[in-house]
Amino acid sequence: MNLFEDLKWRGLIYQVTDKEIEQKLEIEKFNFYLGADPTANSLHVGHLLAYLVAKRLELFGHHPILVIGGGTGLIGDPSYKSEERKLLTIEESLKNADGITKQVKRILPTATIVNNYDWLSKLNAIEFLRDIGKHFSINYMMAKDSVKSRIEKGISFTEFSYQIIQAWDFEHLFKNYNCKLQIGGQDQWGNITSGSELIRRVHSSDAKVYGLTFPLVTKADGTKFGKTESGAIWLDKDKTSVYEFYQYWINTSDDDVINRLKQFTFLEKSKIEEIAESLKKEPEKRLAQNILAKELTKLVHGEKELKKAINVSEALFSGNIKNLNVDEIEMGFKDLPSILVDEPINLVDGLIKLSLVNSKREAREMIKNNAVSINGEKINDTYHQIDKSLAFGKKYTVIRKGKKKYGVIKHN
């Protein structure tokens, strides 16, 4: 299976500007680019597919150029947006760009990373209108889906001009980096074709460049991919812990998991088909979900962090948490009910303050019935005092009531 066939089998081809790209990808080595506007200081899993498509091209010998949109991020892409984005300051844009750059380097280690603020900030209004704007008719720009969808509600000139500015990115990269291919999600089709058109107009019709888009990821039930009740699943472990990231993929539905393995992992077709058979025969084993979670967590956070996430998952499932370390406690328990104490606290009072029980009477009954454990050890003494001497790292005491309810006492 060649590269293009593999992308098609994985459901990663939505549109191409020219069918000959299928053969070109096999016989030529392209410098290609994808962009990221730094609207936050971290990517989330909704962005991840783009970088994994880029990695597939990278593995076949094509060279990725990542354009951090330090300039375009100050303007805002109207594509698939119902209203105008909040404008960033230059300081916010550049700070966010730095965070994204570090994450992408882990996924695309050979990538050339550039920031379009470096060339867009040098463009003056006369150059923009005379040298670039003259190549775009209003009719052409109005026909783009990103603009048409916003006309009724209203679109500012700032966002209306976005496609021209991104088109100049492609022209700049073509001229300075010999970049002949742009990739992006299906919402970027209008921007990609605008760039291709600008290059032809500026450099003659013989200037051959290509565009390739992949579908936006959706769930089988129609709900938004990459979102949970608590919000987006970020690649930054300070925003979304590695354990939460791992659990997100573990909780993938049976209806979605094989597609996710195709889209987000580098497993061979034969292996994924084997996993699909296992899912049909023994869905209760959740083999597909476990493989997906391990592959993605290792890719984004590394082997060491993956092992921590697995340790936490297994400990929480079994209730045997006594062998966890402080890092793993912080990873797995950060969103659970917690209280901060300066002095030793009675177990009964701790259960009440953590809202694990409704009364002292219920607390005592649970303790006497061996339904309460501290740091993985059953406690049946209603007078038990909790102090930091036996806490994890002298910082955390984990209380478990029943099989699934946890709370954390943080010691000063």
Protein backbone atom coordinates (compact mmCIF):
# COMPACT_ATOMS: atom_id res chain seq x y z
CA MET A 1 0.00 0.00 0.00
CA ASN A 2 1.47 3.37 -1.00
CA LEU A 3 1.21 6.54 1.08
CA PHE A 4 -1.90 7.92 -0.61
CA GLU A 5 -3.69 4.56 -0.43
CA ASP A 6 -2.82 4.32 3.25
CA LEU A 7 -4.21 7.81 3.88
CA LYS A 8 -7.42 6.89 2.01
CA TRP A 9 -7.82 3.63 3.96
CA ARG A 10 -7.49 5.56 7.21
CA GLY A 11 -10.14 8.05 6.10
CA LEU A 12 -7.64 10.90 5.95
CA ILE A 13 -8.32 12.24 2.46
CA TYR A 14 -11.15 14.75 2.01
CA GLN A 15 -10.08 16.82 -1.00
CA VAL A 16 -7.00 17.31 -3.19
CA THR A 17 -6.36 20.18 -5.58
CA ASP A 18 -4.93 17.87 -8.23
CA LYS A 19 -5.26 14.09 -8.61
CA GLU A 20 -1.64 13.79 -9.73
CA ILE A 21 -0.57 14.40 -6.11
CA GLU A 22 -1.28 10.69 -5.49
CA GLN A 23 1.64 9.69 -7.72
CA LYS A 24 3.78 12.72 -6.89
CA LEU A 25 3.87 11.76 -3.21
CA GLU A 26 5.50 8.46 -4.22
CA ILE A 27 8.14 9.73 -6.62
CA GLU A 28 9.03 13.19 -5.24
CA LYS A 29 10.04 14.42 -1.80
CA PHE A 30 8.01 17.48 -0.93
CA ASN A 31 8.55 20.31 1.46
CA PHE A 32 5.02 20.70 2.78
CA TYR A 33 3.40 22.94 5.35
CA LEU A 34 0.60 23.09 7.84
CA GLY A 35 -0.32 26.00 10.04
CA ALA A 36 -1.32 26.53 13.65
CA ASP A 37 -2.80 29.79 14.91
CA PRO A 38 -1.71 30.26 18.55
CA THR A 39 -5.16 30.95 20.04
CA ALA A 40 -4.03 29.10 23.20
CA ASN A 41 -0.66 28.09 24.67
CA SER A 42 -1.39 24.42 24.02
CA LEU A 43 -2.87 22.25 21.31
CA HIS A 44 -5.77 19.94 22.18
CA VAL A 45 -6.71 16.55 20.73
CA GLY A 46 -8.95 18.25 18.17
CA HIS A 47 -5.76 19.65 16.60
CA LEU A 48 -3.80 16.42 16.88
CA LEU A 49 -4.95 14.77 13.65
CA ALA A 50 -3.25 17.44 11.51
CA TYR A 51 0.14 16.76 13.09
CA LEU A 52 -0.27 13.01 12.76
CA VAL A 53 -1.07 13.35 9.05
CA ALA A 54 2.09 15.48 8.81
CA LYS A 55 4.03 12.78 10.66
CA ARG A 56 2.84 10.15 8.17
CA LEU A 57 4.22 12.31 5.36
CA GLU A 58 7.41 12.86 7.37
CA LEU A 59 7.90 9.10 7.79
CA PHE A 60 7.70 8.71 4.00
CA GLY A 61 10.54 11.21 3.57
CA HIS A 62 8.60 14.44 3.00
CA HIS A 63 9.78 17.44 5.03
CA PRO A 64 7.29 19.28 7.28
CA ILE A 65 7.25 23.04 7.75
CA LEU A 66 5.09 24.17 10.63
CA VAL A 67 3.89 27.74 10.35
CA ILE A 68 3.01 29.13 13.75
CA GLY A 69 0.49 31.88 13.05
CA GLY A 70 1.91 34.58 15.25
CA GLY A 71 0.69 37.05 12.62
CA THR A 72 -2.50 35.39 11.36
CA GLY A 73 -3.41 34.61 14.97
CA LEU A 74 -3.73 38.35 15.53
CA ILE A 75 -6.43 38.44 12.84
CA GLY A 76 -8.47 35.27 13.30
CA ASP A 77 -9.57 32.63 10.78
CA PRO A 78 -13.35 32.84 10.12
CA SER A 79 -13.49 29.22 8.86
CA TYR A 80 -16.25 27.22 10.58
CA LYS A 81 -16.74 30.00 13.15
CA SER A 82 -20.18 31.48 13.74
CA GLU A 83 -18.80 34.71 15.14
CA GLU A 84 -15.57 36.69 15.21
CA ARG A 85 -12.76 35.46 17.43
CA LYS A 86 -11.43 37.49 20.31
CA LEU A 87 -8.33 39.30 19.07
CA LEU A 88 -5.06 38.39 20.78
CA THR A 89 -2.36 40.85 21.80
CA ILE A 90 1.08 40.44 20.23
CA GLU A 91 2.44 39.30 23.61
CA GLU A 92 -0.29 36.63 23.97
CA SER A 93 0.22 35.42 20.42
CA LEU A 94 3.99 35.02 20.76
CA LYS A 95 3.75 33.37 24.19
CA ASN A 96 1.17 30.87 22.88
CA ALA A 97 3.34 30.22 19.84
CA ASP A 98 6.22 29.18 22.09
CA GLY A 99 4.05 26.64 23.94
CA ILE A 100 2.75 25.10 20.70
CA THR A 101 6.24 24.91 19.19
CA LYS A 102 7.49 22.73 22.07
CA GLN A 103 4.58 20.30 21.68
CA VAL A 104 4.89 19.96 17.92
CA LYS A 105 8.65 19.31 18.14
CA ARG A 106 7.91 16.13 20.11
CA ILE A 107 5.61 14.87 17.34
CA LEU A 108 7.54 16.21 14.32
CA PRO A 109 11.20 16.20 15.36
CA THR A 110 12.57 17.07 11.90
CA ALA A 111 10.13 19.92 11.22
CA THR A 112 11.25 23.38 10.21
CA ILE A 113 9.26 25.72 12.45
CA VAL A 114 8.65 29.31 11.40
CA ASN A 115 6.42 32.08 12.71
CA ASN A 116 4.54 34.11 10.10
CA TYR A 117 4.71 37.16 12.37
CA ASP A 118 8.31 37.46 11.15
CA TRP A 119 7.23 38.33 7.60
CA LEU A 120 3.67 39.60 8.08
CA SER A 121 4.82 42.23 10.57
CA LYS A 122 7.06 43.72 7.87
CA LEU A 123 4.20 44.12 5.37
CA ASN A 124 2.80 47.64 5.04
CA ALA A 125 -0.71 48.57 3.91
CA ILE A 126 0.31 49.77 0.45
CA GLU A 127 2.26 46.57 -0.30
CA PHE A 128 -0.61 44.46 0.98
CA LEU A 129 -3.19 46.18 -1.25
CA ARG A 130 -1.00 46.72 -4.33
CA ASP A 131 1.17 43.59 -4.50
CA ILE A 132 -1.13 40.97 -3.00
CA GLY A 133 -4.70 42.27 -2.84
CA LYS A 134 -4.78 43.03 -6.58
CA HIS A 135 -4.65 39.28 -7.31
CA PHE A 136 -7.97 38.60 -5.56
CA SER A 137 -11.39 39.61 -6.88
CA ILE A 138 -14.18 40.29 -4.41
CA ASN A 139 -16.33 37.72 -6.24
CA TYR A 140 -13.64 35.06 -5.74
CA MET A 141 -13.33 35.84 -2.04
CA MET A 142 -17.10 35.97 -1.48
CA ALA A 143 -17.47 32.49 -3.00
CA LYS A 144 -15.38 30.88 -0.24
CA ASP A 145 -17.42 28.87 2.29
CA SER A 146 -15.57 30.51 5.18
CA VAL A 147 -16.95 33.88 4.03
CA LYS A 148 -20.38 32.81 2.74
CA SER A 149 -21.31 31.24 6.07
CA ARG A 150 -20.65 34.54 7.84
CA ILE A 151 -22.17 37.07 5.46
CA GLU A 152 -25.65 37.08 7.05
CA LYS A 153 -24.35 37.56 10.59
CA GLY A 154 -21.65 39.94 9.46
CA ILE A 155 -17.91 39.62 8.96
CA SER A 156 -15.31 42.30 9.57
CA PHE A 157 -12.77 43.33 6.94
CA THR A 158 -10.14 41.91 9.31
CA GLU A 159 -11.47 38.35 9.04
CA PHE A 160 -12.57 38.84 5.42
CA SER A 161 -8.93 39.49 4.51
CA TYR A 162 -7.65 36.40 6.37
CA GLN A 163 -7.63 34.19 3.27
CA ILE A 164 -5.41 36.69 1.43
CA ILE A 165 -2.91 36.82 4.28
CA GLN A 166 -2.75 33.05 4.64
CA ALA A 167 -2.39 32.79 0.87
CA TRP A 168 0.68 35.00 1.17
CA ASP A 169 2.09 32.50 3.71
CA PHE A 170 1.97 29.79 1.04
CA GLU A 171 3.56 32.11 -1.53
CA HIS A 172 6.28 33.12 0.94
CA LEU A 173 7.08 29.47 1.72
CA PHE A 174 7.03 28.52 -1.97
CA LYS A 175 9.52 31.27 -2.77
CA ASN A 176 11.80 30.92 0.27
CA TYR A 177 11.49 27.24 1.27
CA ASN A 178 10.55 25.51 -2.02
CA CYS A 179 7.28 24.45 -0.35
CA LYS A 180 4.90 22.87 -2.88
CA LEU A 181 2.21 21.29 -0.72
CA GLN A 182 -0.11 22.62 1.97
CA ILE A 183 -2.18 20.27 4.15
CA GLY A 184 -5.00 21.05 6.56
CA GLY A 185 -8.46 20.13 7.77
CA GLN A 186 -11.40 20.39 5.40
CA ASP A 187 -12.22 23.82 6.84
CA GLN A 188 -8.93 25.09 5.35
CA TRP A 189 -9.82 24.29 1.73
CA GLY A 190 -10.65 27.90 0.85
CA ASN A 191 -7.40 29.19 2.36
CA ILE A 192 -5.36 26.49 0.61
CA THR A 193 -6.85 27.14 -2.82
CA SER A 194 -6.38 30.89 -2.35
CA GLY A 195 -2.68 30.26 -1.71
CA SER A 196 -2.37 28.04 -4.78
CA GLU A 197 -4.06 30.71 -6.91
CA LEU A 198 -1.79 33.48 -5.60
CA ILE A 199 1.34 31.45 -6.38
CA ARG A 200 0.16 30.87 -9.96
CA ARG A 201 -0.61 34.56 -10.44
CA VAL A 202 2.67 35.79 -8.94
CA HIS A 203 5.00 33.11 -10.34
CA SER A 204 3.21 32.14 -13.59
CA SER A 205 0.89 29.27 -14.38
CA ASP A 206 3.85 26.87 -14.50
CA ALA A 207 4.36 27.19 -10.74
CA LYS A 208 2.88 23.86 -9.65
CA VAL A 209 1.71 23.52 -6.04
CA TYR A 210 -0.78 21.22 -4.36
CA GLY A 211 -3.27 21.12 -1.53
CA LEU A 212 -4.58 18.20 0.51
CA THR A 213 -7.26 18.27 3.19
CA PHE A 214 -8.49 15.66 5.64
CA PRO A 215 -11.94 15.37 7.23
CA LEU A 216 -12.75 17.02 10.52
CA VAL A 217 -13.03 14.37 13.23
CA THR A 218 -16.52 13.71 14.58
CA LYS A 219 -17.98 11.08 16.89
CA ALA A 220 -20.37 8.41 15.65
CA ASP A 221 -23.16 9.89 17.81
CA GLY A 222 -22.63 13.38 16.37
CA THR A 223 -21.16 14.94 19.52
CA LYS A 224 -17.99 17.00 19.32
CA PHE A 225 -14.69 15.14 19.32
CA GLY A 226 -12.05 16.20 21.85
CA LYS A 227 -14.48 17.58 24.42
CA THR A 228 -15.57 16.23 27.82
CA GLU A 229 -17.81 17.63 30.52
CA SER A 230 -14.76 19.35 32.01
CA GLY A 231 -13.73 20.87 28.66
CA ALA A 232 -11.10 20.28 25.98
CA ILE A 233 -8.48 17.52 26.26
CA TRP A 234 -5.19 19.41 26.03
CA LEU A 235 -1.75 18.09 25.10
CA ASP A 236 -0.22 20.15 27.93
CA LYS A 237 -0.13 17.92 31.00
CA ASP A 238 -0.57 20.95 33.27
CA LYS A 239 -3.95 21.60 31.60
CA THR A 240 -5.00 17.96 31.19
CA SER A 241 -3.12 15.43 33.31
CA VAL A 242 -1.54 12.45 31.57
CA TYR A 243 -3.97 10.20 33.47
CA GLU A 244 -6.97 12.20 32.17
CA PHE A 245 -5.51 12.10 28.66
CA TYR A 246 -5.07 8.32 28.90
CA GLN A 247 -8.59 7.87 30.28
CA TYR A 248 -10.09 9.97 27.48
CA TRP A 249 -8.91 7.41 24.93
CA ILE A 250 -9.81 4.45 27.19
CA ASN A 251 -13.40 5.75 27.22
CA THR A 252 -13.68 5.82 23.42
CA SER A 253 -16.92 4.14 22.34
CA ASP A 254 -16.93 0.83 20.47
CA ASP A 255 -18.52 2.66 17.52
CA ASP A 256 -15.55 5.05 17.25
CA VAL A 257 -12.51 3.13 18.41
CA ILE A 258 -11.49 1.41 15.15
CA ASN A 259 -11.71 4.70 13.26
CA ARG A 260 -9.57 6.33 15.95
CA LEU A 261 -6.97 3.57 15.63
CA LYS A 262 -6.85 4.21 11.87
CA GLN A 263 -6.69 7.99 12.20
CA PHE A 264 -4.50 8.46 15.26
CA THR A 265 -2.10 5.51 15.44
CA PHE A 266 0.66 4.20 13.20
CA LEU A 267 -0.38 0.57 13.54
CA GLU A 268 -0.40 -1.42 10.29
CA LYS A 269 -3.66 -2.24 8.51
CA SER A 270 -3.35 -5.96 9.35
CA LYS A 271 -2.93 -5.19 13.07
CA ILE A 272 -5.95 -2.86 13.15
CA GLU A 273 -8.06 -5.45 11.33
CA GLU A 274 -6.99 -8.02 13.92
CA ILE A 275 -8.03 -5.65 16.73
CA ALA A 276 -11.37 -5.04 14.98
CA GLU A 277 -12.04 -8.80 15.02
CA SER A 278 -11.25 -8.91 18.73
CA LEU A 279 -13.70 -6.05 19.30
CA LYS A 280 -16.48 -8.00 17.56
CA LYS A 281 -15.82 -11.23 19.48
CA GLU A 282 -14.86 -9.91 22.93
CA PRO A 283 -15.92 -6.25 23.26
CA GLU A 284 -15.93 -6.53 27.05
CA LYS A 285 -12.13 -6.85 27.07
CA ARG A 286 -11.81 -3.33 25.54
CA LEU A 287 -8.56 -4.35 23.89
CA ALA A 288 -8.98 -1.73 21.15
CA GLN A 289 -9.45 1.08 23.66
CA ASN A 290 -6.44 -0.01 25.71
CA ILE A 291 -4.19 -0.12 22.65
CA LEU A 292 -5.47 3.27 21.47
CA ALA A 293 -4.84 4.88 24.88
CA LYS A 294 -1.33 3.44 25.13
CA GLU A 295 -0.33 4.44 21.59
CA LEU A 296 -1.56 8.05 21.92
CA THR A 297 -0.27 8.63 25.45
CA LYS A 298 3.17 7.32 24.52
CA LEU A 299 3.25 9.45 21.38
CA VAL A 300 2.24 12.72 23.08
CA HIS A 301 3.74 12.30 26.58
CA GLY A 302 6.37 9.56 26.29
CA GLU A 303 6.90 6.08 27.71
CA LYS A 304 7.65 7.24 31.27
CA GLU A 305 4.41 9.23 31.60
CA LEU A 306 2.43 6.39 30.02
CA LYS A 307 3.67 3.99 32.72
CA LYS A 308 2.51 6.43 35.40
CA ALA A 309 -0.94 6.68 33.83
CA ILE A 310 -1.23 2.90 33.65
CA ASN A 311 -0.12 2.56 37.27
CA VAL A 312 -2.75 5.06 38.42
CA SER A 313 -5.49 3.39 36.34
CA GLU A 314 -4.70 -0.07 37.69
CA ALA A 315 -4.43 1.21 41.28
CA LEU A 316 -7.77 3.03 41.11
CA PHE A 317 -9.48 0.02 39.55
CA SER A 318 -8.15 -2.40 42.19
CA GLY A 319 -8.16 0.02 45.12
CA ASN A 320 -4.55 -0.89 45.82
CA ILE A 321 -2.95 2.55 45.75
CA LYS A 322 -0.25 2.09 48.40
CA ASN A 323 2.54 1.63 45.85
CA LEU A 324 1.84 4.87 43.97
CA ASN A 325 4.34 7.71 44.20
CA VAL A 326 3.65 11.40 44.76
CA ASP A 327 3.70 12.22 41.02
CA GLU A 328 1.15 9.50 40.34
CA ILE A 329 -1.08 10.67 43.20
CA GLU A 330 -0.99 14.22 41.83
CA MET A 331 -1.75 12.92 38.33
CA GLY A 332 -4.67 10.66 39.23
CA PHE A 333 -6.32 12.53 42.10
CA LYS A 334 -6.02 16.20 41.16
CA ASP A 335 -9.74 16.66 40.36
CA LEU A 336 -11.11 14.65 43.29
CA PRO A 337 -12.65 16.22 46.43
CA SER A 338 -9.85 17.52 48.65
CA ILE A 339 -9.25 19.50 51.83
CA LEU A 340 -6.15 21.24 53.16
CA VAL A 341 -5.20 20.64 56.80
CA ASP A 342 -2.49 22.03 59.07
CA GLU A 343 -2.97 19.58 61.94
CA PRO A 344 -3.85 15.88 62.35
CA ILE A 345 -7.54 15.20 61.69
CA ASN A 346 -9.87 12.46 62.89
CA LEU A 347 -10.94 10.01 60.17
CA VAL A 348 -14.65 10.60 60.87
CA ASP A 349 -14.20 14.36 60.47
CA GLY A 350 -12.14 13.83 57.33
CA LEU A 351 -14.91 11.76 55.71
CA ILE A 352 -17.47 14.48 56.46
CA LYS A 353 -15.30 17.38 55.24
CA LEU A 354 -14.58 15.51 52.02
CA SER A 355 -18.37 14.96 51.57
CA LEU A 356 -17.83 11.20 51.34
CA VAL A 357 -20.53 10.70 54.01
CA ASN A 358 -23.51 12.74 55.19
CA SER A 359 -23.14 12.32 58.96
CA LYS A 360 -20.81 11.14 61.71
CA ARG A 361 -23.12 8.18 62.26
CA GLU A 362 -22.76 7.07 58.63
CA ALA A 363 -18.99 7.60 58.86
CA ARG A 364 -18.67 5.36 61.93
CA GLU A 365 -20.81 2.64 60.32
CA MET A 366 -18.70 2.66 57.16
CA ILE A 367 -15.48 2.46 59.19
CA LYS A 368 -16.75 -0.39 61.39
CA ASN A 369 -17.90 -2.30 58.29
CA ASN A 370 -14.39 -2.17 56.77
CA ALA A 371 -15.63 0.09 53.95
CA VAL A 372 -13.01 2.80 54.48
CA SER A 373 -9.32 2.69 53.62
CA ILE A 374 -6.46 5.15 54.00
CA ASN A 375 -3.67 5.04 51.43
CA GLY A 376 -4.80 1.56 50.41
CA GLU A 377 -5.06 0.11 53.95
CA LYS A 378 -8.42 -0.78 55.55
CA ILE A 379 -9.11 1.14 58.76
CA ASN A 380 -11.80 0.07 61.24
CA ASP A 381 -10.90 2.40 64.12
CA THR A 382 -13.39 5.27 64.41
CA TYR A 383 -10.86 7.20 66.53
CA HIS A 384 -8.10 6.96 63.93
CA GLN A 385 -6.08 10.17 63.55
CA ILE A 386 -4.73 11.13 60.13
CA ASP A 387 -1.40 12.96 60.13
CA LYS A 388 1.25 13.70 57.53
CA SER A 389 3.81 11.20 58.83
CA LEU A 390 2.18 8.36 56.83
CA ALA A 391 1.06 10.49 53.89
CA PHE A 392 2.38 10.02 50.36
CA GLY A 393 5.52 12.14 50.35
CA LYS A 394 4.23 13.63 53.61
CA LYS A 395 1.84 15.61 51.37
CA TYR A 396 -1.22 13.53 50.48
CA THR A 397 -3.51 11.14 52.31
CA VAL A 398 -6.02 9.33 50.09
CA ILE A 399 -9.28 8.16 51.65
CA ARG A 400 -11.44 5.63 49.85
CA LYS A 401 -15.05 4.89 50.78
CA GLY A 402 -16.57 1.79 49.26
CA LYS A 403 -15.22 0.79 45.87
CA LYS A 404 -15.22 4.02 43.88
CA LYS A 405 -15.41 7.13 46.06
CA TYR A 406 -12.14 8.88 46.83
CA GLY A 407 -11.06 12.03 48.59
CA VAL A 408 -7.65 13.60 49.23
CA ILE A 409 -6.35 15.28 52.36
CA LYS A 410 -3.51 17.67 51.56
CA HIS A 411 -1.12 18.31 54.42
CA ASN A 412 0.57 21.68 54.89
